[in-house]
Amino acid sequence: MANKIYYLASCDTCRKIIKSLPKDHNLVFHDIKQDPITTEELEEMYALSGSYEALFSKKAQLYKSMGLKDKDLTEDDFKKYILEHYTFLSRPVFIIDGKVFIGNSQQNILQVMKALENK
């Protein structure tokens, strides 16, 4: 299975992270705005992370504007919203050697770099 990054090309943070990746990373790039994630791709991420909530971005503007922050969302709700609109996927999501790395925290990106350097 190919190593992948799910990202948003228009996101400055994603672009900065991509620029910092090791040169020979061999990642398959998937821009979630141009090519929305499929149910199968999301289910693969879920299988690796164990939670749709972990994949869900509570920083998304729609999260507040749709009033979702005031609701008690279930795993099914998180899955539905991520599939409905790309902005709900916490970005970037890396899948490297069967492990998932979600989001742009410094610690997460350091783990991604380590995983890519061990190729």
N, C-alpha and C. Protein backbone atom coordinates (compact mmCIF):
# COMPACT_ATOMS: atom_id res chain seq x y z
N MET A 1 0.84 -1.18 0.00
CA MET A 1 0.00 0.00 0.00
C MET A 1 0.89 1.26 0.00
N ALA A 2 0.52 2.19 -0.84
CA ALA A 2 1.33 3.41 -0.98
C ALA A 2 1.16 4.31 0.24
N ASN A 3 2.23 5.00 0.60
CA ASN A 3 2.15 6.01 1.65
C ASN A 3 1.49 7.24 1.07
N LYS A 4 0.60 7.86 1.84
CA LYS A 4 -0.20 8.97 1.32
C LYS A 4 -0.22 10.15 2.26
N ILE A 5 -0.51 11.30 1.67
CA ILE A 5 -0.84 12.49 2.44
C ILE A 5 -2.15 13.04 1.90
N TYR A 6 -3.10 13.24 2.79
CA TYR A 6 -4.36 13.90 2.46
C TYR A 6 -4.21 15.33 2.96
N TYR A 7 -4.36 16.28 2.06
CA TYR A 7 -4.07 17.67 2.41
C TYR A 7 -4.95 18.60 1.60
N LEU A 8 -4.81 19.89 1.87
CA LEU A 8 -5.54 20.91 1.14
C LEU A 8 -4.51 21.83 0.50
N ALA A 9 -4.49 21.89 -0.83
CA ALA A 9 -3.48 22.67 -1.55
C ALA A 9 -3.55 24.15 -1.20
N SER A 10 -4.73 24.63 -0.85
CA SER A 10 -4.89 26.05 -0.55
C SER A 10 -4.55 26.39 0.90
N CYS A 11 -4.17 25.40 1.69
CA CYS A 11 -3.87 25.61 3.11
C CYS A 11 -2.38 25.94 3.30
N ASP A 12 -2.10 27.12 3.84
CA ASP A 12 -0.70 27.55 4.05
C ASP A 12 0.05 26.57 4.96
N THR A 13 -0.60 26.10 6.00
CA THR A 13 0.05 25.17 6.93
C THR A 13 0.42 23.88 6.21
N CYS A 14 -0.51 23.35 5.42
CA CYS A 14 -0.22 22.12 4.65
C CYS A 14 0.96 22.34 3.70
N ARG A 15 0.96 23.49 3.01
CA ARG A 15 2.05 23.78 2.06
C ARG A 15 3.40 23.86 2.78
N LYS A 16 3.40 24.49 3.95
CA LYS A 16 4.63 24.63 4.73
C LYS A 16 5.15 23.24 5.16
N ILE A 17 4.25 22.39 5.60
CA ILE A 17 4.62 21.04 6.03
C ILE A 17 5.16 20.24 4.84
N ILE A 18 4.49 20.34 3.70
CA ILE A 18 4.93 19.60 2.50
C ILE A 18 6.33 20.04 2.08
N LYS A 19 6.58 21.36 2.13
CA LYS A 19 7.92 21.88 1.79
C LYS A 19 9.00 21.31 2.69
N SER A 20 8.65 21.03 3.94
CA SER A 20 9.65 20.57 4.92
C SER A 20 9.88 19.05 4.87
N LEU A 21 9.11 18.33 4.07
CA LEU A 21 9.27 16.87 4.00
C LEU A 21 10.61 16.49 3.38
N PRO A 22 11.17 15.34 3.79
CA PRO A 22 12.41 14.88 3.15
C PRO A 22 12.20 14.74 1.64
N LYS A 23 13.24 15.00 0.87
CA LYS A 23 13.12 15.03 -0.60
C LYS A 23 12.64 13.70 -1.20
N ASP A 24 13.08 12.58 -0.65
CA ASP A 24 12.75 11.28 -1.25
C ASP A 24 11.64 10.57 -0.48
N HIS A 25 10.57 11.31 -0.19
CA HIS A 25 9.52 10.78 0.68
C HIS A 25 8.59 9.75 0.01
N ASN A 26 8.46 9.75 -1.30
CA ASN A 26 7.59 8.79 -2.01
C ASN A 26 6.14 8.79 -1.54
N LEU A 27 5.61 9.94 -1.22
CA LEU A 27 4.21 10.02 -0.80
C LEU A 27 3.30 10.24 -2.00
N VAL A 28 2.12 9.65 -1.95
CA VAL A 28 1.08 9.93 -2.93
C VAL A 28 0.28 11.10 -2.37
N PHE A 29 0.17 12.18 -3.14
CA PHE A 29 -0.52 13.38 -2.68
C PHE A 29 -1.99 13.33 -3.06
N HIS A 30 -2.86 13.66 -2.13
CA HIS A 30 -4.30 13.64 -2.37
C HIS A 30 -4.89 14.96 -1.86
N ASP A 31 -5.18 15.87 -2.79
CA ASP A 31 -5.79 17.16 -2.44
C ASP A 31 -7.29 16.92 -2.22
N ILE A 32 -7.73 17.04 -0.97
CA ILE A 32 -9.10 16.67 -0.63
C ILE A 32 -10.17 17.64 -1.17
N LYS A 33 -9.74 18.82 -1.62
CA LYS A 33 -10.71 19.74 -2.22
C LYS A 33 -10.94 19.37 -3.69
N GLN A 34 -9.86 19.07 -4.40
CA GLN A 34 -9.97 18.71 -5.82
C GLN A 34 -10.54 17.31 -6.00
N ASP A 35 -10.24 16.43 -5.04
CA ASP A 35 -10.59 15.02 -5.15
C ASP A 35 -11.09 14.56 -3.78
N PRO A 36 -12.38 14.77 -3.50
CA PRO A 36 -12.91 14.46 -2.16
C PRO A 36 -12.60 13.02 -1.73
N ILE A 37 -12.39 12.84 -0.44
CA ILE A 37 -12.08 11.49 0.03
C ILE A 37 -13.31 10.60 -0.11
N THR A 38 -13.06 9.34 -0.35
CA THR A 38 -14.15 8.38 -0.51
C THR A 38 -14.47 7.75 0.85
N THR A 39 -15.61 7.09 0.91
CA THR A 39 -15.98 6.37 2.13
C THR A 39 -14.91 5.35 2.47
N GLU A 40 -14.38 4.67 1.44
CA GLU A 40 -13.35 3.64 1.66
C GLU A 40 -12.09 4.25 2.25
N GLU A 41 -11.67 5.41 1.73
CA GLU A 41 -10.47 6.07 2.26
C GLU A 41 -10.68 6.50 3.71
N LEU A 42 -11.86 7.05 4.00
CA LEU A 42 -12.15 7.48 5.36
C LEU A 42 -12.20 6.26 6.29
N GLU A 43 -12.77 5.16 5.82
CA GLU A 43 -12.84 3.96 6.65
C GLU A 43 -11.45 3.38 6.90
N GLU A 44 -10.54 3.53 5.93
CA GLU A 44 -9.15 3.10 6.14
C GLU A 44 -8.51 3.95 7.24
N MET A 45 -8.72 5.27 7.18
CA MET A 45 -8.19 6.17 8.21
C MET A 45 -8.78 5.81 9.57
N TYR A 46 -10.08 5.50 9.58
CA TYR A 46 -10.76 5.13 10.83
C TYR A 46 -10.17 3.84 11.39
N ALA A 47 -9.92 2.87 10.52
CA ALA A 47 -9.36 1.59 10.97
C ALA A 47 -8.00 1.80 11.64
N LEU A 48 -7.22 2.75 11.13
CA LEU A 48 -5.90 3.03 11.68
C LEU A 48 -5.96 3.91 12.93
N SER A 49 -6.93 4.81 12.99
CA SER A 49 -6.99 5.77 14.11
C SER A 49 -7.93 5.30 15.22
N GLY A 50 -8.92 4.51 14.86
CA GLY A 50 -9.88 4.02 15.84
C GLY A 50 -10.98 5.01 16.18
N SER A 51 -11.02 6.16 15.47
CA SER A 51 -12.00 7.18 15.83
C SER A 51 -12.22 8.15 14.68
N TYR A 52 -13.49 8.39 14.36
CA TYR A 52 -13.80 9.45 13.39
C TYR A 52 -13.58 10.82 14.03
N GLU A 53 -13.82 10.92 15.34
CA GLU A 53 -13.64 12.20 16.02
C GLU A 53 -12.18 12.65 15.94
N ALA A 54 -11.24 11.69 16.01
CA ALA A 54 -9.81 12.03 15.91
C ALA A 54 -9.49 12.62 14.53
N LEU A 55 -10.25 12.25 13.52
CA LEU A 55 -10.03 12.73 12.15
C LEU A 55 -10.79 14.03 11.87
N PHE A 56 -11.65 14.43 12.77
CA PHE A 56 -12.54 15.56 12.58
C PHE A 56 -11.90 16.85 13.07
N SER A 57 -11.99 17.89 12.27
CA SER A 57 -11.41 19.18 12.65
C SER A 57 -12.46 20.06 13.33
N LYS A 58 -12.24 20.29 14.61
CA LYS A 58 -13.15 21.19 15.33
C LYS A 58 -12.75 22.64 15.12
N LYS A 59 -11.68 22.86 14.34
CA LYS A 59 -11.27 24.22 14.01
C LYS A 59 -11.97 24.72 12.75
N ALA A 60 -12.65 23.83 12.05
CA ALA A 60 -13.33 24.21 10.80
C ALA A 60 -14.36 25.30 11.08
N GLN A 61 -14.39 26.31 10.21
CA GLN A 61 -15.35 27.41 10.40
C GLN A 61 -16.78 26.90 10.36
N LEU A 62 -17.04 25.89 9.52
CA LEU A 62 -18.39 25.34 9.43
C LEU A 62 -18.83 24.69 10.74
N TYR A 63 -17.87 24.21 11.52
CA TYR A 63 -18.19 23.57 12.81
C TYR A 63 -18.94 24.54 13.71
N LYS A 64 -18.47 25.79 13.71
CA LYS A 64 -19.14 26.82 14.52
C LYS A 64 -20.39 27.34 13.81
N SER A 65 -20.26 27.64 12.51
CA SER A 65 -21.37 28.29 11.80
C SER A 65 -22.59 27.36 11.66
N MET A 66 -22.36 26.05 11.66
CA MET A 66 -23.48 25.10 11.58
C MET A 66 -24.02 24.75 12.97
N GLY A 67 -23.40 25.32 14.01
CA GLY A 67 -23.86 25.06 15.37
C GLY A 67 -23.47 23.68 15.89
N LEU A 68 -22.52 23.02 15.23
CA LEU A 68 -22.15 21.67 15.62
C LEU A 68 -21.45 21.62 16.98
N LYS A 69 -20.78 22.73 17.33
CA LYS A 69 -20.05 22.71 18.61
C LYS A 69 -21.00 22.64 19.79
N ASP A 70 -22.28 22.97 19.56
CA ASP A 70 -23.28 22.91 20.63
C ASP A 70 -24.04 21.59 20.64
N LYS A 71 -23.67 20.68 19.75
CA LYS A 71 -24.36 19.40 19.67
C LYS A 71 -23.47 18.30 20.20
N ASP A 72 -24.09 17.22 20.63
CA ASP A 72 -23.37 16.06 21.12
C ASP A 72 -23.22 15.09 19.94
N LEU A 73 -22.11 15.22 19.21
CA LEU A 73 -21.93 14.45 17.98
C LEU A 73 -21.45 13.03 18.28
N THR A 74 -21.98 12.08 17.48
CA THR A 74 -21.57 10.68 17.60
C THR A 74 -20.51 10.37 16.55
N GLU A 75 -19.90 9.20 16.64
CA GLU A 75 -18.92 8.78 15.62
C GLU A 75 -19.56 8.80 14.23
N ASP A 76 -20.83 8.37 14.12
CA ASP A 76 -21.53 8.39 12.83
C ASP A 76 -21.68 9.81 12.31
N ASP A 77 -21.94 10.76 13.22
CA ASP A 77 -22.04 12.17 12.82
C ASP A 77 -20.71 12.67 12.28
N PHE A 78 -19.62 12.38 13.01
CA PHE A 78 -18.29 12.83 12.56
C PHE A 78 -18.00 12.27 11.17
N LYS A 79 -18.29 10.99 10.95
CA LYS A 79 -18.05 10.36 9.64
C LYS A 79 -18.87 11.07 8.56
N LYS A 80 -20.16 11.30 8.84
CA LYS A 80 -21.05 11.92 7.86
C LYS A 80 -20.54 13.32 7.47
N TYR A 81 -20.16 14.13 8.46
CA TYR A 81 -19.71 15.49 8.17
C TYR A 81 -18.39 15.50 7.41
N ILE A 82 -17.47 14.61 7.76
CA ILE A 82 -16.19 14.55 7.04
C ILE A 82 -16.45 14.20 5.57
N LEU A 83 -17.36 13.28 5.32
CA LEU A 83 -17.66 12.90 3.93
C LEU A 83 -18.44 14.00 3.21
N GLU A 84 -19.22 14.78 3.93
CA GLU A 84 -20.02 15.85 3.31
C GLU A 84 -19.17 17.04 2.87
N HIS A 85 -18.14 17.38 3.67
CA HIS A 85 -17.36 18.57 3.34
C HIS A 85 -15.91 18.40 3.75
N TYR A 86 -15.02 18.64 2.81
CA TYR A 86 -13.59 18.42 3.04
C TYR A 86 -13.03 19.19 4.24
N THR A 87 -13.64 20.33 4.56
CA THR A 87 -13.10 21.17 5.63
C THR A 87 -13.14 20.48 6.99
N PHE A 88 -13.98 19.43 7.12
CA PHE A 88 -14.09 18.75 8.40
C PHE A 88 -12.99 17.71 8.65
N LEU A 89 -12.18 17.42 7.64
CA LEU A 89 -11.07 16.50 7.86
C LEU A 89 -9.90 17.28 8.46
N SER A 90 -9.43 16.82 9.60
CA SER A 90 -8.26 17.44 10.23
C SER A 90 -7.07 17.22 9.30
N ARG A 91 -6.34 18.28 8.98
CA ARG A 91 -5.30 18.13 7.96
C ARG A 91 -3.94 18.55 8.50
N PRO A 92 -2.92 18.03 7.86
CA PRO A 92 -2.96 16.92 6.90
C PRO A 92 -3.10 15.58 7.62
N VAL A 93 -3.50 14.57 6.84
CA VAL A 93 -3.50 13.19 7.34
C VAL A 93 -2.46 12.43 6.53
N PHE A 94 -1.51 11.84 7.22
CA PHE A 94 -0.50 10.99 6.57
C PHE A 94 -0.80 9.54 6.90
N ILE A 95 -0.65 8.68 5.91
CA ILE A 95 -0.65 7.24 6.17
C ILE A 95 0.70 6.73 5.69
N ILE A 96 1.51 6.27 6.65
CA ILE A 96 2.88 5.83 6.35
C ILE A 96 3.08 4.46 6.98
N ASP A 97 3.38 3.49 6.14
CA ASP A 97 3.63 2.12 6.62
C ASP A 97 2.53 1.62 7.55
N GLY A 98 1.28 1.87 7.16
CA GLY A 98 0.17 1.35 7.93
C GLY A 98 -0.13 2.09 9.22
N LYS A 99 0.52 3.25 9.42
CA LYS A 99 0.23 4.08 10.60
C LYS A 99 -0.38 5.40 10.12
N VAL A 100 -1.27 5.94 10.94
CA VAL A 100 -1.91 7.20 10.57
C VAL A 100 -1.38 8.32 11.47
N PHE A 101 -1.15 9.47 10.85
CA PHE A 101 -0.69 10.68 11.55
C PHE A 101 -1.68 11.78 11.18
N ILE A 102 -2.36 12.33 12.20
CA ILE A 102 -3.47 13.26 11.93
C ILE A 102 -3.14 14.64 12.47
N GLY A 103 -3.27 15.64 11.59
CA GLY A 103 -3.17 17.03 12.03
C GLY A 103 -1.78 17.62 11.89
N ASN A 104 -1.68 18.88 12.31
CA ASN A 104 -0.46 19.64 12.06
C ASN A 104 0.28 20.03 13.33
N SER A 105 0.04 19.32 14.43
CA SER A 105 0.78 19.65 15.65
C SER A 105 2.26 19.37 15.43
N GLN A 106 3.08 20.11 16.13
CA GLN A 106 4.53 19.96 15.97
C GLN A 106 4.96 18.52 16.26
N GLN A 107 4.40 17.95 17.32
CA GLN A 107 4.75 16.57 17.70
C GLN A 107 4.37 15.59 16.59
N ASN A 108 3.18 15.77 16.01
CA ASN A 108 2.73 14.89 14.94
C ASN A 108 3.66 14.99 13.73
N ILE A 109 4.03 16.20 13.34
CA ILE A 109 4.89 16.39 12.16
C ILE A 109 6.28 15.80 12.42
N LEU A 110 6.78 15.91 13.65
CA LEU A 110 8.07 15.27 13.98
C LEU A 110 7.98 13.76 13.81
N GLN A 111 6.86 13.18 14.21
CA GLN A 111 6.66 11.74 14.03
C GLN A 111 6.60 11.35 12.56
N VAL A 112 5.95 12.20 11.77
CA VAL A 112 5.89 11.98 10.31
C VAL A 112 7.30 11.99 9.72
N MET A 113 8.09 13.00 10.10
CA MET A 113 9.47 13.12 9.59
C MET A 113 10.29 11.87 9.94
N LYS A 114 10.16 11.41 11.18
CA LYS A 114 10.88 10.20 11.61
C LYS A 114 10.45 9.00 10.77
N ALA A 115 9.14 8.84 10.57
CA ALA A 115 8.62 7.71 9.81
C ALA A 115 9.13 7.75 8.37
N LEU A 116 9.21 8.95 7.79
CA LEU A 116 9.67 9.08 6.40
C LEU A 116 11.19 8.88 6.29
N GLU A 117 11.92 9.28 7.31
CA GLU A 117 13.38 9.11 7.28
C GLU A 117 13.78 7.64 7.39
N ASN A 118 12.91 6.84 7.98
CA ASN A 118 13.21 5.42 8.14
C ASN A 118 12.86 4.59 6.91
N LYS A 119 12.62 5.23 5.80
CA LYS A 119 12.24 4.50 4.59
C LYS A 119 13.47 3.87 3.97
